[in-house]
Amino acid sequence: QLQASGGGLVQAGGSLRLSCTASGSSFSPYTVGWFRRAPGKEREFVAAIRWNGGNTYFSDSVKGRFTISRDYAKNTVSLQMNSLEPEDTAVYYCATGRTIYSTVNQPSAYSAWGQGTEVTVSS
């Protein structure tokens, strides 16, 4: 079971750190992805990391502002979000799946999803 946490209200330019934990299981050998859904919009890929190997992937809209990392000891994947913009306002979801390079940004490649954590960025 995936649990996403760390959302909240922040002013534009601020930072938040989201966490995704897997209770009762390991993230290995999956890719852990973060997606978001803004009000009235489609679900959008944000970032992903391969648990084994650590390869990271980012959407163009967050590249340079967001980082993704994994903590083996805590069995946690974190999404550090800096320089937040009002356009980043959304519910953020973490997910796991077996992906290849061409599918890492596709929701259909992920088989398990967390419940979401809400991020609101005020202008």
C-alpha atoms as a PDB file:
ATOM      1  CA  GLN A   1       0.000   0.000   0.000  1.00  0.00           C
ATOM      2  CA  LEU A   2       1.395   3.381  -1.017  1.00  0.00           C
ATOM      3  CA  GLN A   3       1.086   6.421   1.182  1.00  0.00           C
ATOM      4  CA  ALA A   4       1.765   9.934  -0.105  1.00  0.00           C
ATOM      5  CA  SER A   5       2.267  12.756   2.366  1.00  0.00           C
ATOM      6  CA  GLY A   6       3.747  16.215   2.728  1.00  0.00           C
ATOM      7  CA  GLY A   7       1.295  18.354   0.841  1.00  0.00           C
ATOM      8  CA  GLY A   8       0.083  21.711   2.074  1.00  0.00           C
ATOM      9  CA  LEU A   9      -0.345  25.380   1.349  1.00  0.00           C
ATOM     10  CA  VAL A  10       2.705  27.392   0.336  1.00  0.00           C
ATOM     11  CA  GLN A  11       3.339  30.756  -1.259  1.00  0.00           C
ATOM     12  CA  ALA A  12       4.753  31.040  -4.753  1.00  0.00           C
ATOM     13  CA  GLY A  13       8.511  30.636  -4.653  1.00  0.00           C
ATOM     14  CA  GLY A  14       8.347  28.371  -1.647  1.00  0.00           C
ATOM     15  CA  SER A  15       9.190  24.699  -1.222  1.00  0.00           C
ATOM     16  CA  LEU A  16       7.524  21.492  -0.171  1.00  0.00           C
ATOM     17  CA  ARG A  17       8.786  17.954   0.201  1.00  0.00           C
ATOM     18  CA  LEU A  18       6.454  15.097  -0.606  1.00  0.00           C
ATOM     19  CA  SER A  19       7.088  11.564   0.552  1.00  0.00           C
ATOM     20  CA  CYS A  20       5.879   8.225  -0.715  1.00  0.00           C
ATOM     21  CA  THR A  21       6.166   5.157   1.479  1.00  0.00           C
ATOM     22  CA  ALA A  22       5.295   1.555   0.792  1.00  0.00           C
ATOM     23  CA  SER A  23       3.942  -0.230   3.818  1.00  0.00           C
ATOM     24  CA  GLY A  24       4.659  -3.915   4.032  1.00  0.00           C
ATOM     25  CA  SER A  25       6.684  -4.110   0.846  1.00  0.00           C
ATOM     26  CA  SER A  26       9.733  -2.819  -0.950  1.00  0.00           C
ATOM     27  CA  PHE A  27       9.820  -0.537  -3.938  1.00  0.00           C
ATOM     28  CA  SER A  28      12.237  -2.935  -5.606  1.00  0.00           C
ATOM     29  CA  PRO A  29      12.241  -3.608  -8.553  1.00  0.00           C
ATOM     30  CA  TYR A  30       9.786  -0.931  -9.530  1.00  0.00           C
ATOM     31  CA  THR A  31       9.852   2.575 -10.843  1.00  0.00           C
ATOM     32  CA  VAL A  32       8.263   5.051  -8.466  1.00  0.00           C
ATOM     33  CA  GLY A  33       6.499   7.886 -10.194  1.00  0.00           C
ATOM     34  CA  TRP A  34       4.813  11.090  -9.123  1.00  0.00           C
ATOM     35  CA  PHE A  35       1.817  12.357 -11.023  1.00  0.00           C
ATOM     36  CA  ARG A  36      -0.496  15.267 -10.383  1.00  0.00           C
ATOM     37  CA  ARG A  37      -4.005  16.267 -11.284  1.00  0.00           C
ATOM     38  CA  ALA A  38      -4.932  19.924 -11.219  1.00  0.00           C
ATOM     39  CA  PRO A  39      -8.580  20.980 -11.022  1.00  0.00           C
ATOM     40  CA  GLY A  40     -10.221  20.516 -14.401  1.00  0.00           C
ATOM     41  CA  LYS A  41      -7.127  18.989 -15.974  1.00  0.00           C
ATOM     42  CA  GLU A  42      -5.863  15.566 -16.918  1.00  0.00           C
ATOM     43  CA  ARG A  43      -3.468  13.622 -14.756  1.00  0.00           C
ATOM     44  CA  GLU A  44       0.070  14.717 -15.562  1.00  0.00           C
ATOM     45  CA  PHE A  45       3.459  13.064 -15.124  1.00  0.00           C
ATOM     46  CA  VAL A  46       5.786  14.937 -12.791  1.00  0.00           C
ATOM     47  CA  ALA A  47       8.835  12.804 -12.019  1.00  0.00           C
ATOM     48  CA  ALA A  48       9.989   9.242 -11.548  1.00  0.00           C
ATOM     49  CA  ILE A  49      12.908   7.277 -10.176  1.00  0.00           C
ATOM     50  CA  ARG A  50      13.972   3.706 -10.694  1.00  0.00           C
ATOM     51  CA  TRP A  51      14.358   2.153  -7.253  1.00  0.00           C
ATOM     52  CA  ASN A  52      17.160  -0.073  -8.521  1.00  0.00           C
ATOM     53  CA  GLY A  53      19.706   2.095 -10.263  1.00  0.00           C
ATOM     54  CA  GLY A  54      18.333   5.492  -9.353  1.00  0.00           C
ATOM     55  CA  ASN A  55      17.686   6.806 -12.853  1.00  0.00           C
ATOM     56  CA  THR A  56      15.486   9.883 -12.634  1.00  0.00           C
ATOM     57  CA  TYR A  57      13.016  11.435 -15.042  1.00  0.00           C
ATOM     58  CA  PHE A  58      11.232  14.784 -14.980  1.00  0.00           C
ATOM     59  CA  SER A  59       8.590  16.540 -16.969  1.00  0.00           C
ATOM     60  CA  ASP A  60       9.733  19.682 -18.716  1.00  0.00           C
ATOM     61  CA  SER A  61       7.455  21.776 -16.513  1.00  0.00           C
ATOM     62  CA  VAL A  62       9.300  20.838 -13.319  1.00  0.00           C
ATOM     63  CA  LYS A  63      12.816  20.156 -14.569  1.00  0.00           C
ATOM     64  CA  GLY A  64      15.314  22.251 -12.647  1.00  0.00           C
ATOM     65  CA  ARG A  65      12.854  22.963  -9.835  1.00  0.00           C
ATOM     66  CA  PHE A  66      11.959  19.499  -8.547  1.00  0.00           C
ATOM     67  CA  THR A  67      14.233  16.661  -7.504  1.00  0.00           C
ATOM     68  CA  ILE A  68      13.379  13.072  -6.688  1.00  0.00           C
ATOM     69  CA  SER A  69      15.325  10.768  -4.419  1.00  0.00           C
ATOM     70  CA  ARG A  70      15.069   7.439  -2.656  1.00  0.00           C
ATOM     71  CA  ASP A  71      15.961   6.386   0.863  1.00  0.00           C
ATOM     72  CA  TYR A  72      16.641   2.667   1.206  1.00  0.00           C
ATOM     73  CA  ALA A  73      16.620   2.710   4.987  1.00  0.00           C
ATOM     74  CA  LYS A  74      13.243   4.417   5.204  1.00  0.00           C
ATOM     75  CA  ASN A  75      11.812   2.716   2.113  1.00  0.00           C
ATOM     76  CA  THR A  76      10.715   6.146   0.958  1.00  0.00           C
ATOM     77  CA  VAL A  77      10.774   8.163  -2.229  1.00  0.00           C
ATOM     78  CA  SER A  78      10.792  11.931  -1.821  1.00  0.00           C
ATOM     79  CA  LEU A  79       9.865  14.678  -4.222  1.00  0.00           C
ATOM     80  CA  GLN A  80      11.541  17.965  -3.310  1.00  0.00           C
ATOM     81  CA  MET A  81       9.656  20.812  -4.906  1.00  0.00           C
ATOM     82  CA  ASN A  82      11.359  24.195  -5.025  1.00  0.00           C
ATOM     83  CA  SER A  83      10.420  27.497  -6.639  1.00  0.00           C
ATOM     84  CA  LEU A  84       6.801  26.481  -6.571  1.00  0.00           C
ATOM     85  CA  GLU A  85       4.395  28.247  -8.874  1.00  0.00           C
ATOM     86  CA  PRO A  86       0.602  28.564  -8.720  1.00  0.00           C
ATOM     87  CA  GLU A  87       0.521  26.248 -11.743  1.00  0.00           C
ATOM     88  CA  ASP A  88       1.918  23.478  -9.509  1.00  0.00           C
ATOM     89  CA  THR A  89      -1.315  23.445  -7.523  1.00  0.00           C
ATOM     90  CA  ALA A  90      -2.731  19.926  -7.766  1.00  0.00           C
ATOM     91  CA  VAL A  91      -3.281  16.675  -5.981  1.00  0.00           C
ATOM     92  CA  TYR A  92      -0.051  14.716  -6.179  1.00  0.00           C
ATOM     93  CA  TYR A  93      -0.034  10.945  -6.394  1.00  0.00           C
ATOM     94  CA  CYS A  94       2.768   8.450  -6.128  1.00  0.00           C
ATOM     95  CA  ALA A  95       2.631   5.199  -8.023  1.00  0.00           C
ATOM     96  CA  THR A  96       4.752   2.155  -8.722  1.00  0.00           C
ATOM     97  CA  GLY A  97       5.122   0.080 -11.824  1.00  0.00           C
ATOM     98  CA  ARG A  98       7.435  -1.792 -14.107  1.00  0.00           C
ATOM     99  CA  THR A  99       8.399   0.712 -16.758  1.00  0.00           C
ATOM    100  CA  ILE A 100      10.758   1.090 -19.634  1.00  0.00           C
ATOM    101  CA  TYR A 101      12.201   4.379 -20.753  1.00  0.00           C
ATOM    102  CA  SER A 102       9.383   5.099 -23.179  1.00  0.00           C
ATOM    103  CA  THR A 103       6.635   4.435 -20.645  1.00  0.00           C
ATOM    104  CA  VAL A 104       7.996   6.067 -17.510  1.00  0.00           C
ATOM    105  CA  ASN A 105       5.713   9.076 -17.982  1.00  0.00           C
ATOM    106  CA  GLN A 106       2.573   7.091 -18.784  1.00  0.00           C
ATOM    107  CA  PRO A 107       0.017   6.449 -16.012  1.00  0.00           C
ATOM    108  CA  SER A 108      -0.942   3.154 -17.650  1.00  0.00           C
ATOM    109  CA  ALA A 109       2.531   1.780 -16.882  1.00  0.00           C
ATOM    110  CA  TYR A 110       1.909   2.064 -13.130  1.00  0.00           C
ATOM    111  CA  SER A 111      -0.124  -0.585 -11.354  1.00  0.00           C
ATOM    112  CA  ALA A 112      -0.294   0.681  -7.775  1.00  0.00           C
ATOM    113  CA  TRP A 113      -1.308   4.170  -6.672  1.00  0.00           C
ATOM    114  CA  GLY A 114      -1.340   6.069  -3.411  1.00  0.00           C
ATOM    115  CA  GLN A 115      -4.249   8.169  -2.223  1.00  0.00           C
ATOM    116  CA  GLY A 116      -2.833  11.575  -3.126  1.00  0.00           C
ATOM    117  CA  THR A 117      -1.699  14.608  -1.199  1.00  0.00           C
ATOM    118  CA  GLU A 118      -2.884  18.107  -2.006  1.00  0.00           C
ATOM    119  CA  VAL A 119      -0.504  20.922  -2.861  1.00  0.00           C
ATOM    120  CA  THR A 120      -1.761  24.484  -3.076  1.00  0.00           C
ATOM    121  CA  VAL A 121       0.524  27.285  -4.196  1.00  0.00           C
ATOM    122  CA  SER A 122      -0.786  30.786  -3.616  1.00  0.00           C
ATOM    123  CA  SER A 123       0.309  33.747  -5.718  1.00  0.00           C
END
